[in-house]
Each structure stands twice: as C-alpha cells, then as structure tokens.
PDB file of N, CA and C in Angstrom:
ATOM      1  N   MET A   1       0.821  -1.192   0.000  1.00  0.00           N
ATOM      2  CA  MET A   1       0.000   0.000   0.000  1.00  0.00           C
ATOM      3  C   MET A   1       0.865   1.256   0.000  1.00  0.00           C
ATOM      4  N   ALA A   2       2.130   1.094  -0.226  1.00  0.00           N
ATOM      5  CA  ALA A   2       3.025   2.240  -0.258  1.00  0.00           C
ATOM      6  C   ALA A   2       2.639   3.198  -1.382  1.00  0.00           C
ATOM      7  N   GLY A   3       2.616   4.466  -1.064  1.00  0.00           N
ATOM      8  CA  GLY A   3       2.305   5.468  -2.071  1.00  0.00           C
ATOM      9  C   GLY A   3       0.826   5.782  -2.205  1.00  0.00           C
ATOM     10  N   LYS A   4      -0.034   5.026  -1.541  1.00  0.00           N
ATOM     11  CA  LYS A   4      -1.473   5.288  -1.626  1.00  0.00           C
ATOM     12  C   LYS A   4      -1.930   5.973  -0.344  1.00  0.00           C
ATOM     13  N   PHE A   5      -2.699   7.021  -0.500  1.00  0.00           N
ATOM     14  CA  PHE A   5      -3.202   7.761   0.642  1.00  0.00           C
ATOM     15  C   PHE A   5      -4.698   7.549   0.769  1.00  0.00           C
ATOM     16  N   ARG A   6      -5.192   7.543   1.980  1.00  0.00           N
ATOM     17  CA  ARG A   6      -6.605   7.412   2.270  1.00  0.00           C
ATOM     18  C   ARG A   6      -7.065   8.680   2.969  1.00  0.00           C
ATOM     19  N   ASN A   7      -8.337   9.009   2.772  1.00  0.00           N
ATOM     20  CA  ASN A   7      -8.902  10.154   3.462  1.00  0.00           C
ATOM     21  C   ASN A   7      -9.218   9.839   4.916  1.00  0.00           C
ATOM     22  N   VAL A   8      -9.644   8.592   5.184  1.00  0.00           N
ATOM     23  CA  VAL A   8     -10.125   8.227   6.515  1.00  0.00           C
ATOM     24  C   VAL A   8      -9.615   6.833   6.884  1.00  0.00           C
ATOM     25  N   LEU A   9      -9.214   6.676   8.146  1.00  0.00           N
ATOM     26  CA  LEU A   9      -8.863   5.380   8.702  1.00  0.00           C
ATOM     27  C   LEU A   9      -9.827   5.110   9.851  1.00  0.00           C
ATOM     28  N   ILE A  10     -10.543   3.987   9.786  1.00  0.00           N
ATOM     29  CA  ILE A  10     -11.487   3.607  10.835  1.00  0.00           C
ATOM     30  C   ILE A  10     -10.931   2.373  11.527  1.00  0.00           C
ATOM     31  N   VAL A  11     -10.812   2.442  12.848  1.00  0.00           N
ATOM     32  CA  VAL A  11     -10.334   1.313  13.633  1.00  0.00           C
ATOM     33  C   VAL A  11     -11.543   0.677  14.294  1.00  0.00           C
ATOM     34  N   GLY A  12     -11.867  -0.525  13.851  1.00  0.00           N
ATOM     35  CA  GLY A  12     -13.009  -1.258  14.383  1.00  0.00           C
ATOM     36  C   GLY A  12     -14.082  -1.447  13.338  1.00  0.00           C
ATOM     37  N   GLY A  13     -14.373  -2.705  13.035  1.00  0.00           N
ATOM     38  CA  GLY A  13     -15.351  -3.013  11.994  1.00  0.00           C
ATOM     39  C   GLY A  13     -16.678  -3.506  12.544  1.00  0.00           C
ATOM     40  N   GLY A  14     -17.083  -2.967  13.681  1.00  0.00           N
ATOM     41  CA  GLY A  14     -18.388  -3.321  14.230  1.00  0.00           C
ATOM     42  C   GLY A  14     -19.500  -2.612  13.473  1.00  0.00           C
ATOM     43  N   VAL A  15     -20.670  -2.603  14.064  1.00  0.00           N
ATOM     44  CA  VAL A  15     -21.826  -1.979  13.425  1.00  0.00           C
ATOM     45  C   VAL A  15     -21.563  -0.506  13.135  1.00  0.00           C
ATOM     46  N   GLY A  16     -21.047   0.212  14.121  1.00  0.00           N
ATOM     47  CA  GLY A  16     -20.779   1.642  13.945  1.00  0.00           C
ATOM     48  C   GLY A  16     -19.696   1.915  12.918  1.00  0.00           C
ATOM     49  N   GLY A  17     -18.582   1.166  12.980  1.00  0.00           N
ATOM     50  CA  GLY A  17     -17.488   1.356  12.035  1.00  0.00           C
ATOM     51  C   GLY A  17     -17.890   1.054  10.607  1.00  0.00           C
ATOM     52  N   CYS A  18     -18.651  -0.023  10.416  1.00  0.00           N
ATOM     53  CA  CYS A  18     -19.107  -0.393   9.071  1.00  0.00           C
ATOM     54  C   CYS A  18     -20.093   0.632   8.513  1.00  0.00           C
ATOM     55  N   ALA A  19     -21.000   1.107   9.350  1.00  0.00           N
ATOM     56  CA  ALA A  19     -21.959   2.122   8.898  1.00  0.00           C
ATOM     57  C   ALA A  19     -21.242   3.401   8.509  1.00  0.00           C
ATOM     58  N   LEU A  20     -20.265   3.810   9.307  1.00  0.00           N
ATOM     59  CA  LEU A  20     -19.507   5.021   9.007  1.00  0.00           C
ATOM     60  C   LEU A  20     -18.700   4.857   7.724  1.00  0.00           C
ATOM     61  N   ALA A  21     -18.041   3.706   7.559  1.00  0.00           N
ATOM     62  CA  ALA A  21     -17.248   3.457   6.350  1.00  0.00           C
ATOM     63  C   ALA A  21     -18.128   3.488   5.104  1.00  0.00           C
ATOM     64  N   GLY A  22     -19.292   2.870   5.170  1.00  0.00           N
ATOM     65  CA  GLY A  22     -20.202   2.863   4.028  1.00  0.00           C
ATOM     66  C   GLY A  22     -20.680   4.255   3.674  1.00  0.00           C
ATOM     67  N   HIS A  23     -21.042   5.022   4.674  1.00  0.00           N
ATOM     68  CA  HIS A  23     -21.541   6.380   4.428  1.00  0.00           C
ATOM     69  C   HIS A  23     -20.444   7.278   3.845  1.00  0.00           C
ATOM     70  N   LEU A  24     -19.256   7.219   4.416  1.00  0.00           N
ATOM     71  CA  LEU A  24     -18.152   8.054   3.922  1.00  0.00           C
ATOM     72  C   LEU A  24     -17.715   7.618   2.527  1.00  0.00           C
ATOM     73  N   GLY A  25     -17.707   6.305   2.279  1.00  0.00           N
ATOM     74  CA  GLY A  25     -17.348   5.802   0.953  1.00  0.00           C
ATOM     75  C   GLY A  25     -18.333   6.244  -0.114  1.00  0.00           C
ATOM     76  N   ARG A  26     -19.626   6.196   0.208  1.00  0.00           N
ATOM     77  CA  ARG A  26     -20.638   6.675  -0.746  1.00  0.00           C
ATOM     78  C   ARG A  26     -20.517   8.169  -0.977  1.00  0.00           C
ATOM     79  N   GLY A  27     -19.948   8.869  -0.004  1.00  0.00           N
ATOM     80  CA  GLY A  27     -19.739  10.312  -0.142  1.00  0.00           C
ATOM     81  C   GLY A  27     -18.488  10.664  -0.923  1.00  0.00           C
ATOM     82  N   GLY A  28     -17.754   9.649  -1.376  1.00  0.00           N
ATOM     83  CA  GLY A  28     -16.599   9.915  -2.231  1.00  0.00           C
ATOM     84  C   GLY A  28     -15.248   9.862  -1.529  1.00  0.00           C
ATOM     85  N   LEU A  29     -15.234   9.582  -0.233  1.00  0.00           N
ATOM     86  CA  LEU A  29     -13.958   9.501   0.474  1.00  0.00           C
ATOM     87  C   LEU A  29     -13.358   8.112   0.336  1.00  0.00           C
ATOM     88  N   SER A  30     -12.056   8.044   0.403  1.00  0.00           N
ATOM     89  CA  SER A  30     -11.341   6.781   0.364  1.00  0.00           C
ATOM     90  C   SER A  30     -11.164   6.315   1.810  1.00  0.00           C
ATOM     91  N   VAL A  31     -11.673   5.132   2.139  1.00  0.00           N
ATOM     92  CA  VAL A  31     -11.728   4.658   3.522  1.00  0.00           C
ATOM     93  C   VAL A  31     -10.943   3.363   3.670  1.00  0.00           C
ATOM     94  N   THR A  32     -10.150   3.280   4.736  1.00  0.00           N
ATOM     95  CA  THR A  32      -9.503   2.038   5.143  1.00  0.00           C
ATOM     96  C   THR A  32     -10.019   1.689   6.530  1.00  0.00           C
ATOM     97  N   MET A  33     -10.426   0.422   6.713  1.00  0.00           N
ATOM     98  CA  MET A  33     -10.926  -0.019   8.008  1.00  0.00           C
ATOM     99  C   MET A  33     -10.028  -1.118   8.545  1.00  0.00           C
ATOM    100  N   LEU A  34      -9.666  -1.024   9.813  1.00  0.00           N
ATOM    101  CA  LEU A  34      -8.859  -2.049  10.471  1.00  0.00           C
ATOM    102  C   LEU A  34      -9.719  -2.770  11.500  1.00  0.00           C
ATOM    103  N   GLU A  35      -9.667  -4.090  11.470  1.00  0.00           N
ATOM    104  CA  GLU A  35     -10.413  -4.913  12.429  1.00  0.00           C
ATOM    105  C   GLU A  35      -9.520  -6.072  12.839  1.00  0.00           C
ATOM    106  N   ARG A  36      -9.414  -6.337  14.119  1.00  0.00           N
ATOM    107  CA  ARG A  36      -8.518  -7.395  14.601  1.00  0.00           C
ATOM    108  C   ARG A  36      -9.110  -8.790  14.488  1.00  0.00           C
ATOM    109  N   LEU A  37     -10.433  -8.910  14.427  1.00  0.00           N
ATOM    110  CA  LEU A  37     -11.071 -10.217  14.341  1.00  0.00           C
ATOM    111  C   LEU A  37     -11.393 -10.586  12.895  1.00  0.00           C
ATOM    112  N   GLU A  38     -11.297 -11.871  12.575  1.00  0.00           N
ATOM    113  CA  GLU A  38     -11.630 -12.336  11.231  1.00  0.00           C
ATOM    114  C   GLU A  38     -13.114 -12.621  11.069  1.00  0.00           C
ATOM    115  N   THR A  39     -13.802 -12.918  12.155  1.00  0.00           N
ATOM    116  CA  THR A  39     -15.234 -13.171  12.112  1.00  0.00           C
ATOM    117  C   THR A  39     -15.930 -12.232  13.087  1.00  0.00           C
ATOM    118  N   TYR A  40     -17.138 -11.842  12.740  1.00  0.00           N
ATOM    119  CA  TYR A  40     -17.912 -10.930  13.579  1.00  0.00           C
ATOM    120  C   TYR A  40     -18.717 -11.741  14.582  1.00  0.00           C
ATOM    121  N   SER A  41     -18.514 -11.472  15.859  1.00  0.00           N
ATOM    122  CA  SER A  41     -19.304 -12.151  16.884  1.00  0.00           C
ATOM    123  C   SER A  41     -20.618 -11.390  17.045  1.00  0.00           C
ATOM    124  N   ASP A  42     -21.701 -12.067  16.815  1.00  0.00           N
ATOM    125  CA  ASP A  42     -23.025 -11.454  16.791  1.00  0.00           C
ATOM    126  C   ASP A  42     -23.550 -11.249  18.210  1.00  0.00           C
ATOM    127  N   ARG A  43     -23.259 -10.085  18.763  1.00  0.00           N
ATOM    128  CA  ARG A  43     -23.770  -9.746  20.084  1.00  0.00           C
ATOM    129  C   ARG A  43     -23.968  -8.234  20.181  1.00  0.00           C
ATOM    130  N   VAL A  44     -24.895  -7.837  20.997  1.00  0.00           N
ATOM    131  CA  VAL A  44     -25.191  -6.418  21.172  1.00  0.00           C
ATOM    132  C   VAL A  44     -24.135  -5.804  22.072  1.00  0.00           C
ATOM    133  N   ARG A  45     -23.577  -4.678  21.624  1.00  0.00           N
ATOM    134  CA  ARG A  45     -22.527  -4.014  22.389  1.00  0.00           C
ATOM    135  C   ARG A  45     -22.895  -2.572  22.730  1.00  0.00           C
ATOM    136  N   GLY A  46     -24.133  -2.224  22.567  1.00  0.00           N
ATOM    137  CA  GLY A  46     -24.536  -0.872  22.913  1.00  0.00           C
ATOM    138  C   GLY A  46     -24.335   0.134  21.807  1.00  0.00           C
ATOM    139  N   GLU A  47     -24.014  -0.328  20.591  1.00  0.00           N
ATOM    140  CA  GLU A  47     -23.830   0.604  19.485  1.00  0.00           C
ATOM    141  C   GLU A  47     -25.183   1.044  18.960  1.00  0.00           C
ATOM    142  N   TRP A  48     -25.313   2.332  18.749  1.00  0.00           N
ATOM    143  CA  TRP A  48     -26.568   2.880  18.283  1.00  0.00           C
ATOM    144  C   TRP A  48     -26.286   4.171  17.535  1.00  0.00           C
ATOM    145  N   MET A  49     -26.983   4.402  16.449  1.00  0.00           N
ATOM    146  CA  MET A  49     -26.790   5.620  15.683  1.00  0.00           C
ATOM    147  C   MET A  49     -28.125   6.348  15.621  1.00  0.00           C
ATOM    148  N   ALA A  50     -28.142   7.563  16.125  1.00  0.00           N
ATOM    149  CA  ALA A  50     -29.366   8.352  16.119  1.00  0.00           C
ATOM    150  C   ALA A  50     -29.770   8.681  14.683  1.00  0.00           C
ATOM    151  N   PRO A  51     -31.071   8.663  14.371  1.00  0.00           N
ATOM    152  CA  PRO A  51     -31.515   8.965  13.011  1.00  0.00           C
ATOM    153  C   PRO A  51     -31.070  10.349  12.537  1.00  0.00           C
ATOM    154  N   TRP A  52     -30.931  11.282  13.447  1.00  0.00           N
ATOM    155  CA  TRP A  52     -30.526  12.643  13.067  1.00  0.00           C
ATOM    156  C   TRP A  52     -28.997  12.787  13.062  1.00  0.00           C
ATOM    157  N   GLY A  53     -28.262  11.697  13.317  1.00  0.00           N
ATOM    158  CA  GLY A  53     -26.819  11.768  13.375  1.00  0.00           C
ATOM    159  C   GLY A  53     -26.140  11.912  12.027  1.00  0.00           C
ATOM    160  N   VAL A  54     -26.853  11.631  10.962  1.00  0.00           N
ATOM    161  CA  VAL A  54     -26.289  11.762   9.616  1.00  0.00           C
ATOM    162  C   VAL A  54     -27.224  12.654   8.806  1.00  0.00           C
ATOM    163  N   ALA A  55     -26.663  13.725   8.294  1.00  0.00           N
ATOM    164  CA  ALA A  55     -27.481  14.660   7.507  1.00  0.00           C
ATOM    165  C   ALA A  55     -27.882  14.037   6.190  1.00  0.00           C
TER     166      ALA A  55
END
C-alpha cells in the first residue's frame, strides 16, 4: 500500500465502524478499516446511531 493515501482510517469493523465506512465511501472519500477479528461475533454491544446523526 506504499504510495497510496486514504482520506479516513477507521479502527473497528463493528456496526458503527461499518456504517460510518459505508456512508463516507458513498460520499466519495477513500476509507480504510482495520479490524482485529476475522469473524464478527453477533452480540449487542450498545452501538446505536441516532436517526438525526447523519445529515
């Protein structure tokens, strides 16, 4: 990845990180996401996004 620049780096590929990456990517930004786990453990962790949180 030498020589390539990204607009945004997101650490954590949970519900919030994935939603943010998708929204920013659709907005034209180049996004890199880092996640330490290879599989997503399906459990509630208190992540919530308010409907008014994204214009």
